[in-house]
Amino acid sequence: MKLDRNEVEQYALDHWQDFAEYLKHPSISSQNKGINETSDWLVQTFKKLGAKTATKWHDQGGNPVVFAEFTGNSDYTVLFYNHYDVQPPEPLAEWKSDPFTPTEKDGKLFARGVCDDKGELMARLGVVQYFNEHGGLPVNLKFFVEGEEETGSRHVSLYVDAYQDELQADACIWEGGGKNSADHFEVLAGARGIVSFDVSVQTADADIHSSLASYVPNAAWRLLDGLESLRDPQTGEITVQGYYDDIVSLSKDEQEAVANMDFDADSVTETYGLKRPLTTTHPRKELVNGTTLTINGLSAGYEGQGVKTIVPRQASAKLDCRLAPNQDPQKIMKLIEQQLTNNGFNDFKLHLNAAEDAWRTPMSDEFVQLALKIARIVYGPTTKYVPNTAGGGPVRPFGETLKLPIVMVGIHYAKSGPHAPNEHIRLTDYAEGSYYLAELLEQLK
């Protein structure tokens, strides 16, 4: 069927409110709030849309996974990945509207999770509804919607392993795509990995009067010395032995795509109010195929108001590493622990918080190329291909276990503000993204 762009986009604008209740559920995984109500709503909504299967999986632990399956007019099958949990809305005082009351203003839709990631699933549901009313779905569809993405997706690989037969498909469309800071649409084909962990050290049984700093060890200084020993202070290079060994070079086509990525250093500096120069002269390459070692937070001693002159007995830090494909999160953490020992900091303790593997579908894959071709028709020649996002996600089980090509396409734009107060999307992007998805599904049949 030949799709009418204006008709599909207008349908999306006219019918987003059919799914607005989704945004009203405060499905905050970190607080175990609204999880059952939201997953129940999804099951009922999939059933109303005619799913031949709509159910919750909960036998592998964690928050339930919602699975749904639709029959289309061809043998081709697309698996969608989304998540239904959201971040807490705080600080509430910075919101200009209630975070769990969908609010339309100036062509934008505001709500917690509307960008990350409920709005994208709403658009996908709207496309299903459109096809239901216009001759049926062109291909078979399956939906895997999890409820722990905001806390590390710890159980996703278990569900993928347990339900491989149900999840069989020809391709996977992920969440999280959209338009970059230049307002150019991006087609992404993977995600970086991550390992997040705590580091702590204790130097005494109790805090000590600071007059004795003349001879007693200070946990805060020791922590800082240990962390500083992991990098070159001049170049910023990570000095952990073996840290870079497993990184695989980009293909020639991927290198060219990275070189053509939109990146404006002045704009980045202005957007974030940076007070120091960028830490690399190759930001595009580092975002895609680089690795990091980041201190997320530090804690030691007295941090309240007024004076309390002590030598802290303990100190801790939260760190994360963003990893390129083929870097193993657990291995990276062990390399860091070993390097601390080698550097004389064997009293440091490390505690793993979360880990996800990186994954990337090759640019040469037919599904990636089709998604890119249609994007350039819908969004124009400024469309960019990006081998993988700078962030992470539970992508690897879908690519490795299910052996699916994966693309990430969506409806947000650079200022959508995921995780921040006044998170929003532009309804024009919602409409365009709906048409793009409909056209892609139509071409796959």
Protein backbone atom coordinates (compact mmCIF):
# COMPACT_ATOMS: atom_id res chain seq x y z
CA MET A 1 0.00 0.00 0.00
CA LYS A 2 1.28 3.48 -0.85
CA LEU A 3 1.23 5.63 2.25
CA ASP A 4 0.06 9.24 2.24
CA ARG A 5 2.54 11.15 4.39
CA ASN A 6 0.15 13.92 5.36
CA GLU A 7 -2.52 11.42 6.30
CA VAL A 8 -0.23 9.32 8.49
CA GLU A 9 1.30 12.33 10.24
CA GLN A 10 -2.11 13.90 10.86
CA TYR A 11 -3.38 10.60 12.22
CA ALA A 12 -0.50 10.57 14.71
CA LEU A 13 -1.30 14.11 15.82
CA ASP A 14 -5.01 13.34 16.13
CA HIS A 15 -4.57 10.13 18.07
CA TRP A 16 -1.63 10.51 20.50
CA GLN A 17 -4.17 11.12 23.24
CA ASP A 18 -5.53 7.60 22.67
CA PHE A 19 -2.43 6.45 24.54
CA ALA A 20 -1.90 9.41 26.89
CA GLU A 21 -2.88 7.37 29.95
CA TYR A 22 0.47 5.64 29.62
CA LEU A 23 2.17 8.90 30.65
CA LYS A 24 -0.02 9.21 33.74
CA HIS A 25 1.41 6.07 35.36
CA PRO A 26 4.41 6.93 37.58
CA SER A 27 6.31 3.74 36.76
CA ILE A 28 9.46 4.55 38.74
CA SER A 29 11.57 1.40 38.92
CA SER A 30 14.08 2.79 41.42
CA GLN A 31 11.19 3.32 43.86
CA ASN A 32 9.19 0.22 42.86
CA LYS A 33 6.28 2.53 42.13
CA GLY A 34 3.52 2.00 39.56
CA ILE A 35 5.20 -1.01 37.94
CA ASN A 36 2.25 -3.44 38.05
CA GLU A 37 -0.30 -0.80 37.07
CA THR A 38 1.76 0.29 34.06
CA SER A 39 2.52 -3.22 32.84
CA ASP A 40 -1.17 -4.13 33.24
CA TRP A 41 -2.12 -1.08 31.15
CA LEU A 42 0.26 -2.18 28.42
CA VAL A 43 -1.17 -5.70 28.29
CA GLN A 44 -4.71 -4.37 28.03
CA THR A 45 -3.72 -1.83 25.37
CA PHE A 46 -2.00 -4.45 23.24
CA LYS A 47 -5.12 -6.62 23.50
CA LYS A 48 -7.36 -3.71 22.44
CA LEU A 49 -5.14 -3.23 19.39
CA GLY A 50 -5.71 -6.84 18.36
CA ALA A 51 -2.57 -8.59 19.57
CA LYS A 52 -2.85 -12.36 19.23
CA THR A 53 -0.63 -12.58 22.32
CA ALA A 54 -0.32 -10.02 25.12
CA THR A 55 1.09 -11.15 28.41
CA LYS A 56 3.53 -10.46 31.24
CA TRP A 57 6.65 -12.53 31.82
CA HIS A 58 7.88 -12.52 35.40
CA ASP A 59 9.48 -15.92 35.94
CA GLN A 60 13.09 -14.72 35.54
CA GLY A 61 12.91 -12.18 38.35
CA GLY A 62 12.78 -8.39 38.48
CA ASN A 63 10.00 -6.25 37.09
CA PRO A 64 7.75 -8.00 34.56
CA VAL A 65 8.47 -7.92 30.84
CA VAL A 66 5.43 -7.22 28.68
CA PHE A 67 5.37 -9.29 25.49
CA ALA A 68 2.91 -8.81 22.63
CA GLU A 69 2.61 -10.27 19.15
CA PHE A 70 0.66 -9.12 16.09
CA THR A 71 0.05 -10.89 12.79
CA GLY A 72 0.75 -8.97 9.61
CA ASN A 73 0.28 -9.46 5.88
CA SER A 74 3.71 -11.00 5.22
CA ASP A 75 6.13 -13.49 6.73
CA TYR A 76 8.62 -10.81 7.79
CA THR A 77 8.77 -10.16 11.55
CA VAL A 78 9.99 -7.08 13.40
CA LEU A 79 10.76 -7.12 17.13
CA PHE A 80 10.46 -3.82 19.00
CA TYR A 81 12.37 -3.09 22.19
CA ASN A 82 11.06 -0.45 24.61
CA HIS A 83 11.01 0.13 28.36
CA TYR A 84 8.11 1.32 30.48
CA ASP A 85 9.93 2.49 33.62
CA VAL A 86 10.95 6.11 34.14
CA GLN A 87 13.24 8.20 36.31
CA PRO A 88 11.94 9.96 39.45
CA PRO A 89 10.56 13.41 38.58
CA GLU A 90 12.46 15.37 41.24
CA PRO A 91 13.21 18.24 41.63
CA LEU A 92 9.46 18.90 41.39
CA ALA A 93 9.84 22.65 41.91
CA GLU A 94 11.54 22.95 38.51
CA TRP A 95 8.61 21.45 36.59
CA LYS A 96 6.27 23.91 34.90
CA SER A 97 3.49 21.30 34.83
CA ASP A 98 2.67 18.13 36.73
CA PRO A 99 5.19 15.49 35.55
CA PHE A 100 2.52 12.80 35.35
CA THR A 101 -0.15 14.91 33.68
CA PRO A 102 0.54 15.02 29.91
CA THR A 103 0.60 18.71 29.01
CA GLU A 104 0.60 20.10 25.47
CA LYS A 105 2.02 23.58 25.05
CA ASP A 106 3.51 25.40 22.07
CA GLY A 107 3.60 22.26 19.97
CA LYS A 108 5.39 20.27 22.66
CA LEU A 109 4.21 17.45 24.90
CA PHE A 110 5.53 17.52 28.46
CA ALA A 111 5.59 14.56 30.88
CA ARG A 112 8.07 12.41 32.74
CA GLY A 113 9.11 9.63 30.36
CA VAL A 114 7.59 11.12 27.21
CA CYS A 115 11.05 11.19 25.62
CA ASP A 116 12.63 8.33 27.56
CA ASP A 117 10.84 6.20 26.50
CA LYS A 118 7.05 6.19 26.68
CA GLY A 119 6.47 8.62 23.81
CA GLU A 120 8.27 6.36 21.36
CA LEU A 121 6.15 3.36 22.30
CA MET A 122 3.03 5.54 22.01
CA ALA A 123 4.05 6.42 18.45
CA ARG A 124 4.56 2.73 17.67
CA LEU A 125 1.16 1.86 19.11
CA GLY A 126 -0.35 4.64 17.01
CA VAL A 127 1.20 3.15 13.87
CA VAL A 128 -0.30 -0.24 14.75
CA GLN A 129 -3.68 1.41 15.19
CA TYR A 130 -3.33 3.25 11.88
CA PHE A 131 -2.55 0.05 9.97
CA ASN A 132 -5.43 -1.73 11.72
CA GLU A 133 -7.74 0.87 10.18
CA HIS A 134 -6.03 0.88 6.78
CA GLY A 135 -5.73 -2.67 5.51
CA GLY A 136 -3.74 -4.35 8.27
CA LEU A 137 -0.12 -4.52 9.38
CA PRO A 138 2.34 -5.03 6.51
CA VAL A 139 4.57 -7.31 8.63
CA ASN A 140 4.35 -9.35 11.82
CA LEU A 141 5.24 -7.38 14.95
CA LYS A 142 6.51 -8.41 18.36
CA PHE A 143 7.03 -6.14 21.36
CA PHE A 144 9.45 -6.65 24.25
CA VAL A 145 8.78 -3.92 26.83
CA GLU A 146 10.82 -4.16 30.02
CA GLY A 147 10.57 -2.34 33.35
CA GLU A 148 14.14 -2.08 34.63
CA GLU A 149 15.99 -0.07 32.01
CA GLU A 150 16.44 2.89 34.35
CA THR A 151 18.07 0.62 36.95
CA GLY A 152 20.37 -1.34 34.65
CA SER A 153 18.16 -3.92 32.85
CA ARG A 154 19.62 -6.63 35.07
CA HIS A 155 17.17 -9.34 34.04
CA VAL A 156 16.84 -8.70 30.29
CA SER A 157 19.42 -11.27 29.22
CA LEU A 158 17.67 -13.90 31.35
CA TYR A 159 14.34 -13.22 29.65
CA VAL A 160 15.92 -13.25 26.19
CA ASP A 161 17.59 -16.58 26.96
CA ALA A 162 14.39 -18.09 28.38
CA TYR A 163 12.09 -16.89 25.59
CA GLN A 164 14.25 -17.23 22.49
CA ASP A 165 11.53 -19.06 20.56
CA GLU A 166 8.90 -16.41 21.26
CA LEU A 167 11.31 -13.60 20.35
CA GLN A 168 12.41 -14.96 16.98
CA ALA A 169 12.27 -12.23 14.32
CA ASP A 170 14.02 -10.93 11.22
CA ALA A 171 15.08 -7.56 12.63
CA CYS A 172 14.88 -5.43 15.77
CA ILE A 173 13.91 -1.78 16.05
CA TRP A 174 15.26 -0.30 19.28
CA GLU A 175 14.26 2.80 21.18
CA GLY A 176 16.10 6.03 21.68
CA GLY A 177 16.77 7.58 18.28
CA GLY A 178 15.81 11.05 17.08
CA LYS A 179 17.39 14.33 16.04
CA ASN A 180 20.78 15.63 17.13
CA SER A 181 21.88 19.12 18.17
CA ALA A 182 21.96 20.21 14.51
CA ASP A 183 18.34 18.96 14.25
CA HIS A 184 19.38 16.23 11.84
CA PHE A 185 17.77 12.80 12.15
CA GLU A 186 20.08 9.96 13.14
CA VAL A 187 19.93 6.24 12.43
CA LEU A 188 21.95 4.37 15.03
CA ALA A 189 22.95 0.70 15.01
CA GLY A 190 24.13 -0.08 18.52
CA ALA A 191 25.14 1.13 21.95
CA ARG A 192 28.26 1.41 24.05
CA GLY A 193 28.61 -0.79 27.11
CA ILE A 194 28.94 0.31 30.72
CA VAL A 195 30.25 -0.89 34.04
CA SER A 196 29.30 1.09 37.14
CA PHE A 197 30.94 0.45 40.50
CA ASP A 198 31.84 1.89 43.92
CA VAL A 199 35.38 2.26 45.23
CA SER A 200 36.00 2.64 48.96
CA VAL A 201 38.93 2.78 51.35
CA GLN A 202 39.19 2.88 55.16
CA THR A 203 42.27 4.15 57.02
CA ALA A 204 41.12 4.08 60.67
CA ASP A 205 38.38 2.79 62.96
CA ALA A 206 37.04 6.29 63.63
CA ASP A 207 37.40 9.88 62.41
CA ILE A 208 40.39 11.55 64.06
CA HIS A 209 41.00 15.12 65.28
CA SER A 210 42.63 17.01 62.42
CA SER A 211 45.50 18.18 64.62
CA LEU A 212 46.81 14.65 64.24
CA ALA A 213 46.94 14.99 60.46
CA SER A 214 50.62 15.52 61.09
CA TYR A 215 51.02 11.75 61.13
CA VAL A 216 47.73 9.83 60.66
CA PRO A 217 46.59 8.70 57.18
CA ASN A 218 43.65 10.49 55.56
CA ALA A 219 41.14 8.28 53.69
CA ALA A 220 40.08 11.13 51.41
CA TRP A 221 43.63 11.83 50.23
CA ARG A 222 44.31 8.13 49.82
CA LEU A 223 41.20 7.68 47.68
CA LEU A 224 42.16 10.64 45.49
CA ASP A 225 45.73 9.37 45.11
CA GLY A 226 44.48 5.92 44.11
CA LEU A 227 42.01 7.21 41.53
CA GLU A 228 44.56 9.63 40.11
CA SER A 229 46.98 6.73 39.63
CA LEU A 230 44.63 5.27 37.00
CA ARG A 231 45.12 8.03 34.44
CA ASP A 232 47.75 10.27 32.94
CA PRO A 233 47.04 13.78 34.30
CA GLN A 234 48.53 15.42 31.21
CA THR A 235 46.79 13.47 28.42
CA GLY A 236 43.83 12.01 30.30
CA GLU A 237 44.73 8.56 28.94
CA ILE A 238 43.65 5.67 31.15
CA THR A 239 46.79 3.93 32.39
CA VAL A 240 45.16 0.65 33.42
CA GLN A 241 47.14 -2.18 31.82
CA GLY A 242 45.11 -3.90 29.08
CA TYR A 243 42.30 -1.34 29.21
CA TYR A 244 42.27 -0.63 25.46
CA ASP A 245 43.38 -4.05 24.21
CA ASP A 246 39.97 -5.45 23.17
CA ILE A 247 38.69 -2.45 21.22
CA VAL A 248 38.04 -3.32 17.57
CA SER A 249 38.73 -0.70 14.91
CA LEU A 250 35.83 0.74 12.94
CA SER A 251 35.40 -0.31 9.33
CA LYS A 252 36.30 2.19 6.62
CA ASP A 253 32.62 3.04 6.02
CA GLU A 254 32.04 3.46 9.74
CA GLN A 255 35.10 5.71 10.04
CA GLU A 256 33.71 7.91 7.27
CA ALA A 257 30.30 8.00 8.97
CA VAL A 258 31.90 9.05 12.25
CA ALA A 259 33.92 11.76 10.50
CA ASN A 260 30.65 13.11 9.04
CA MET A 261 28.80 13.14 12.37
CA ASP A 262 27.46 16.50 13.50
CA PHE A 263 29.57 17.92 16.32
CA ASP A 264 29.99 21.61 17.13
CA ALA A 265 32.46 22.15 19.97
CA ASP A 266 31.36 25.76 20.51
CA SER A 267 27.73 24.71 20.74
CA VAL A 268 28.57 21.94 23.23
CA THR A 269 30.57 24.39 25.33
CA GLU A 270 27.69 26.85 25.36
CA THR A 271 24.98 24.23 26.01
CA TYR A 272 26.72 22.81 29.08
CA GLY A 273 28.47 25.98 30.21
CA LEU A 274 31.86 24.27 30.13
CA LYS A 275 34.58 26.13 32.00
CA ARG A 276 37.47 24.07 30.62
CA PRO A 277 38.43 22.88 27.10
CA LEU A 278 37.19 19.56 25.76
CA THR A 279 39.26 16.61 26.97
CA THR A 280 39.90 15.23 23.48
CA THR A 281 40.64 16.48 20.00
CA HIS A 282 38.66 13.57 18.53
CA PRO A 283 35.23 13.83 20.18
CA ARG A 284 33.32 12.05 17.38
CA LYS A 285 35.53 8.99 17.48
CA GLU A 286 35.59 8.91 21.28
CA LEU A 287 31.78 9.08 21.49
CA VAL A 288 31.40 6.05 19.22
CA ASN A 289 34.42 3.80 19.69
CA GLY A 290 36.17 5.24 22.68
CA THR A 291 36.17 4.24 26.33
CA THR A 292 36.01 6.29 29.50
CA LEU A 293 36.75 6.21 33.23
CA THR A 294 34.49 8.69 34.98
CA ILE A 295 34.22 9.71 38.62
CA ASN A 296 30.47 10.19 39.19
CA GLY A 297 30.71 11.30 42.81
CA LEU A 298 32.98 11.49 45.86
CA SER A 299 32.17 11.24 49.54
CA ALA A 300 34.37 11.56 52.62
CA GLY A 301 34.39 13.03 56.11
CA TYR A 302 32.19 15.91 57.25
CA GLU A 303 30.16 17.60 54.53
CA GLY A 304 27.66 19.62 56.57
CA GLN A 305 27.55 23.32 57.43
CA GLY A 306 30.08 24.94 59.69
CA VAL A 307 33.41 23.60 60.89
CA LYS A 308 34.27 20.07 61.92
CA THR A 309 38.02 19.55 61.81
CA ILE A 310 38.61 15.84 61.32
CA VAL A 311 40.72 13.39 59.41
CA PRO A 312 38.17 11.12 57.64
CA ARG A 313 38.46 7.43 58.45
CA GLN A 314 36.81 6.35 55.18
CA ALA A 315 36.16 7.65 51.69
CA SER A 316 34.27 6.37 48.69
CA ALA A 317 33.59 7.19 45.08
CA LYS A 318 31.16 6.14 42.39
CA LEU A 319 32.64 5.50 38.96
CA ASP A 320 31.50 4.32 35.57
CA CYS A 321 33.25 3.26 32.41
CA ARG A 322 31.63 3.60 28.98
CA LEU A 323 32.88 0.76 26.84
CA ALA A 324 33.35 0.10 23.14
CA PRO A 325 32.08 -3.09 21.50
CA ASN A 326 34.13 -6.16 22.46
CA GLN A 327 35.15 -4.72 25.84
CA ASP A 328 33.86 -6.92 28.66
CA PRO A 329 32.47 -4.94 31.65
CA GLN A 330 33.48 -7.52 34.26
CA LYS A 331 36.98 -7.79 32.79
CA ILE A 332 37.40 -4.02 32.77
CA MET A 333 36.47 -3.79 36.46
CA LYS A 334 38.96 -6.55 37.31
CA LEU A 335 41.69 -4.77 35.33
CA ILE A 336 41.03 -1.59 37.34
CA GLU A 337 41.14 -3.53 40.62
CA GLN A 338 44.41 -5.19 39.60
CA GLN A 339 45.92 -1.86 38.55
CA LEU A 340 45.06 -0.32 41.94
CA THR A 341 46.83 -3.25 43.60
CA ASN A 342 49.84 -2.85 41.31
CA ASN A 343 49.95 0.85 42.15
CA GLY A 344 50.05 0.13 45.89
CA PHE A 345 46.35 0.52 46.68
CA ASN A 346 45.46 -3.06 47.59
CA ASP A 347 43.32 -1.81 50.50
CA PHE A 348 40.73 -0.41 48.04
CA LYS A 349 37.43 -2.30 47.82
CA LEU A 350 35.35 -2.34 44.62
CA HIS A 351 31.63 -3.12 44.45
CA LEU A 352 29.82 -3.72 41.15
CA ASN A 353 26.56 -1.77 40.66
CA ALA A 354 25.61 -2.46 37.03
CA ALA A 355 27.09 -3.81 33.82
CA GLU A 356 25.94 -3.92 30.20
CA ASP A 357 27.80 -5.10 27.13
CA ALA A 358 28.22 -2.96 24.04
CA TRP A 359 26.85 -4.11 20.69
CA ARG A 360 26.90 -2.82 17.13
CA THR A 361 25.23 -4.07 13.95
CA PRO A 362 27.56 -3.61 10.95
CA MET A 363 26.76 -0.68 8.71
CA SER A 364 26.74 -3.03 5.73
CA ASP A 365 23.72 -4.97 7.04
CA GLU A 366 20.73 -4.82 4.65
CA PHE A 367 18.29 -3.80 7.38
CA VAL A 368 20.55 -0.94 8.50
CA GLN A 369 20.92 0.22 4.91
CA LEU A 370 17.15 0.13 4.32
CA ALA A 371 16.46 2.08 7.51
CA LEU A 372 19.03 4.66 6.42
CA LYS A 373 17.67 4.86 2.87
CA ILE A 374 14.10 5.51 4.03
CA ALA A 375 15.30 8.01 6.65
CA ARG A 376 17.01 10.03 3.93
CA ILE A 377 13.75 10.05 1.96
CA VAL A 378 11.63 11.08 4.96
CA TYR A 379 14.07 13.43 6.73
CA GLY A 380 16.26 14.50 3.85
CA PRO A 381 19.95 14.14 2.93
CA THR A 382 21.13 15.63 6.23
CA THR A 383 20.23 12.33 7.91
CA LYS A 384 23.24 10.89 9.72
CA TYR A 385 24.32 7.31 10.29
CA VAL A 386 25.93 6.72 13.70
CA PRO A 387 27.46 3.28 14.42
CA ASN A 388 26.29 3.36 18.04
CA THR A 389 25.06 5.68 20.73
CA ALA A 390 27.40 7.17 23.30
CA GLY A 391 25.15 5.70 26.00
CA GLY A 392 24.27 2.11 26.80
CA GLY A 393 21.41 -0.36 26.89
CA PRO A 394 20.76 -4.13 27.02
CA VAL A 395 21.36 -4.52 23.28
CA ARG A 396 23.80 -7.41 23.16
CA PRO A 397 21.37 -10.29 23.98
CA PHE A 398 19.18 -9.23 21.06
CA GLY A 399 22.10 -9.05 18.67
CA GLU A 400 24.13 -12.02 19.93
CA THR A 401 21.54 -14.48 21.30
CA LEU A 402 18.70 -13.72 18.88
CA LYS A 403 21.12 -12.81 16.06
CA LEU A 404 19.05 -9.81 14.99
CA PRO A 405 20.20 -6.71 13.09
CA ILE A 406 19.32 -3.68 15.21
CA VAL A 407 18.59 -0.05 14.41
CA MET A 408 17.67 2.71 16.86
CA VAL A 409 15.19 5.26 15.58
CA GLY A 410 12.81 7.46 17.51
CA ILE A 411 11.12 10.79 18.10
CA HIS A 412 13.16 12.91 20.50
CA TYR A 413 15.33 15.93 19.72
CA ALA A 414 18.46 17.31 21.33
CA LYS A 415 16.64 19.46 23.88
CA SER A 416 14.02 16.92 24.95
CA GLY A 417 15.60 16.72 28.40
CA PRO A 418 15.33 13.04 29.33
CA HIS A 419 15.74 12.52 33.11
CA ALA A 420 15.41 16.28 33.65
CA PRO A 421 12.50 18.49 34.74
CA ASN A 422 10.16 19.48 31.89
CA GLU A 423 11.05 16.46 29.77
CA HIS A 424 9.24 16.78 26.46
CA ILE A 425 9.02 15.98 22.78
CA ARG A 426 7.93 18.08 19.82
CA LEU A 427 4.70 16.81 18.33
CA THR A 428 6.04 17.43 14.83
CA ASP A 429 8.80 14.91 15.60
CA TYR A 430 6.17 12.50 16.93
CA ALA A 431 4.26 12.80 13.66
CA GLU A 432 7.36 12.52 11.44
CA GLY A 433 8.64 9.54 13.41
CA SER A 434 5.28 7.82 13.04
CA TYR A 435 5.35 8.24 9.27
CA TYR A 436 8.97 7.09 9.07
CA LEU A 437 8.16 3.94 11.04
CA ALA A 438 5.08 3.21 8.94
CA GLU A 439 7.08 3.62 5.73
CA LEU A 440 9.87 1.38 7.02
CA LEU A 441 7.42 -1.39 7.96
CA GLU A 442 5.70 -1.06 4.59
CA GLN A 443 9.01 -1.48 2.77
CA LEU A 444 9.90 -4.59 4.78
CA LYS A 445 6.94 -6.69 3.71
